[in-house]
Amino acid sequence: QVQLVESGGGLVQAGGSMRLSCTASGIGNPAMAWYRQAPGKQREFVARISVTGVTSVQNDLRGRFTVARDYDKNTVYLQIRNLQQEDTAVYYCNTDPPSTNSWGQGTQVTVSS
């Protein structure tokens, strides 16, 4: 059974940094992606990392968002720098493309002014 557990969110001031983690079980090390859903908005793609570690980030977020993975820990990370209030959202990880049945609880990131 696939299980994805996100962690690392919290409250941070604008301009701060945060690293989110996603630990996967029952799934090996497939291509993975981060998504986010802000209040009142649809879930959107943030960044992806391939099986071999090739990464890509949503155009508007490049320069502040970095994705990485640790194959031994079956964990994918999302590093966010210079957080802005519009980054406030629930952040989710999933496979890439996403599996309908694999969405976890996500981790809440709240950026204060």
Protein backbone atom coordinates (compact mmCIF):
# COMPACT_ATOMS: atom_id res chain seq x y z
CA GLN A 1 0.00 0.00 0.00
CA VAL A 2 1.33 3.40 -0.99
CA GLN A 3 1.69 5.94 1.77
CA LEU A 4 3.02 9.48 1.43
CA VAL A 5 3.62 11.54 4.53
CA GLU A 6 4.43 15.22 4.27
CA SER A 7 6.04 17.17 7.09
CA GLY A 8 8.01 20.30 7.86
CA GLY A 9 5.35 22.95 7.45
CA GLY A 10 4.47 25.63 9.96
CA LEU A 11 4.29 29.36 10.49
CA VAL A 12 7.11 31.47 9.10
CA GLN A 13 7.68 35.15 8.51
CA ALA A 14 7.90 36.52 5.02
CA GLY A 15 11.44 36.29 3.78
CA GLY A 16 12.17 33.15 5.75
CA SER A 17 12.99 29.65 4.55
CA MET A 18 11.51 26.26 5.05
CA ARG A 19 12.23 22.67 4.04
CA LEU A 20 9.37 20.28 3.53
CA SER A 21 9.79 16.51 3.52
CA CYS A 22 7.79 13.75 1.92
CA THR A 23 8.50 10.20 2.97
CA ALA A 24 7.13 7.44 0.80
CA SER A 25 6.46 3.83 1.61
CA GLY A 26 5.21 1.00 -0.55
CA ILE A 27 6.26 2.78 -3.70
CA GLY A 28 10.02 2.59 -4.26
CA ASN A 29 11.59 5.70 -5.77
CA PRO A 30 9.40 6.79 -8.69
CA ALA A 31 9.21 10.24 -10.24
CA MET A 32 7.71 12.52 -7.63
CA ALA A 33 6.25 15.99 -7.50
CA TRP A 34 5.15 18.64 -5.07
CA TYR A 35 1.81 20.38 -5.36
CA ARG A 36 0.11 23.03 -3.29
CA GLN A 37 -3.37 24.30 -2.66
CA ALA A 38 -3.93 27.80 -1.40
CA PRO A 39 -7.18 28.80 0.31
CA GLY A 40 -9.96 29.13 -2.23
CA LYS A 41 -7.78 27.96 -5.12
CA GLN A 42 -7.23 24.76 -7.03
CA ARG A 43 -4.31 22.53 -6.34
CA GLU A 44 -1.34 23.44 -8.51
CA PHE A 45 1.93 21.88 -9.55
CA VAL A 46 5.04 23.20 -7.79
CA ALA A 47 8.06 21.07 -8.72
CA ARG A 48 9.03 17.60 -9.86
CA ILE A 49 12.00 15.30 -9.64
CA SER A 50 12.56 12.35 -11.93
CA VAL A 51 13.74 8.87 -11.07
CA THR A 52 17.28 9.96 -11.98
CA GLY A 53 17.11 13.25 -10.08
CA VAL A 54 16.33 15.65 -12.91
CA THR A 55 14.27 18.50 -11.53
CA SER A 56 11.94 21.16 -12.81
CA VAL A 57 10.07 23.92 -11.04
CA GLN A 58 6.99 25.90 -11.98
CA ASN A 59 8.18 28.94 -13.91
CA ASP A 60 6.86 31.50 -11.44
CA LEU A 61 8.60 29.78 -8.53
CA ARG A 62 12.05 29.27 -10.00
CA GLY A 63 14.85 30.72 -7.96
CA ARG A 64 13.04 30.23 -4.67
CA PHE A 65 11.92 26.59 -4.80
CA THR A 66 14.28 23.62 -5.01
CA VAL A 67 13.38 19.94 -5.03
CA ALA A 68 15.71 17.10 -4.07
CA ARG A 69 15.51 13.49 -3.00
CA ASP A 70 17.27 10.97 -0.80
CA TYR A 71 16.96 7.53 -2.38
CA ASP A 72 18.10 5.68 0.74
CA LYS A 73 15.42 7.37 2.85
CA ASN A 74 12.70 7.26 0.17
CA THR A 75 12.24 10.94 0.89
CA VAL A 76 11.70 13.93 -1.35
CA TYR A 77 12.36 17.46 -0.14
CA LEU A 78 11.10 20.89 -1.12
CA GLN A 79 13.32 23.76 -0.07
CA ILE A 80 11.66 27.16 -0.16
CA ARG A 81 13.58 30.41 0.20
CA ASN A 82 12.36 33.97 0.60
CA LEU A 83 8.87 32.83 1.50
CA GLN A 84 6.07 35.20 0.52
CA GLN A 85 2.51 35.47 1.76
CA GLU A 86 1.21 34.03 -1.50
CA ASP A 87 3.11 30.83 -0.69
CA THR A 88 0.63 30.15 2.09
CA ALA A 89 -0.95 26.81 1.18
CA VAL A 90 -1.18 23.15 2.01
CA TYR A 91 1.71 21.40 0.32
CA TYR A 92 1.34 17.85 -0.94
CA CYS A 93 3.61 15.35 -2.56
CA ASN A 94 2.57 12.64 -4.95
CA THR A 95 3.94 10.68 -7.82
CA ASP A 96 4.45 12.38 -11.16
CA PRO A 97 1.93 12.18 -12.70
CA PRO A 98 -0.14 12.10 -9.53
CA SER A 99 -1.96 9.01 -8.35
CA THR A 100 -5.54 9.69 -7.31
CA ASN A 101 -5.36 7.26 -4.42
CA SER A 102 -2.03 8.46 -3.04
CA TRP A 103 -2.78 11.97 -1.80
CA GLY A 104 -1.67 12.40 1.79
CA GLN A 105 -2.77 14.94 4.39
CA GLY A 106 -0.29 17.53 3.22
CA THR A 107 1.59 19.97 5.37
CA GLN A 108 0.39 23.50 6.03
CA VAL A 109 2.70 26.40 5.30
CA THR A 110 1.58 29.78 6.59
CA VAL A 111 3.59 32.89 5.80
CA SER A 112 3.02 35.94 7.95
CA SER A 113 3.88 39.51 7.02
